[in-house]
Amino acid sequence: MRWSSSIRSEADAFVAVGLTQFSLTSRLVFLVVGPVVDLKLVALQAGTFGRAFALRFAPAAFVVAVLVAVVVGQVVL
């Protein structure tokens, strides 16, 4: 069982459906960024590759995930 930094991977879709006041693109970003910037994953990366790597990689992964989700949201939705 994997805990994500957002809520929990199994519950994210149900939470996203309830966020009706936000656009579909915003909900897509919510669904994509949660698993990408998972606290457990960042800790694993820090332990495996070093703290300096994790401190550079996590923000870069966050930015790429947001950008890709926004582009896909604009094109598809």
Foldseek 3Di string as FASTA:
>chain_A
DAQWPQGRLVCLVVVLVVVVVDDPLVSLLSNQLGVQLGVVVLVVCCVPVNNVCSVVVNVVSSVVSSVVSNVCVVVPD
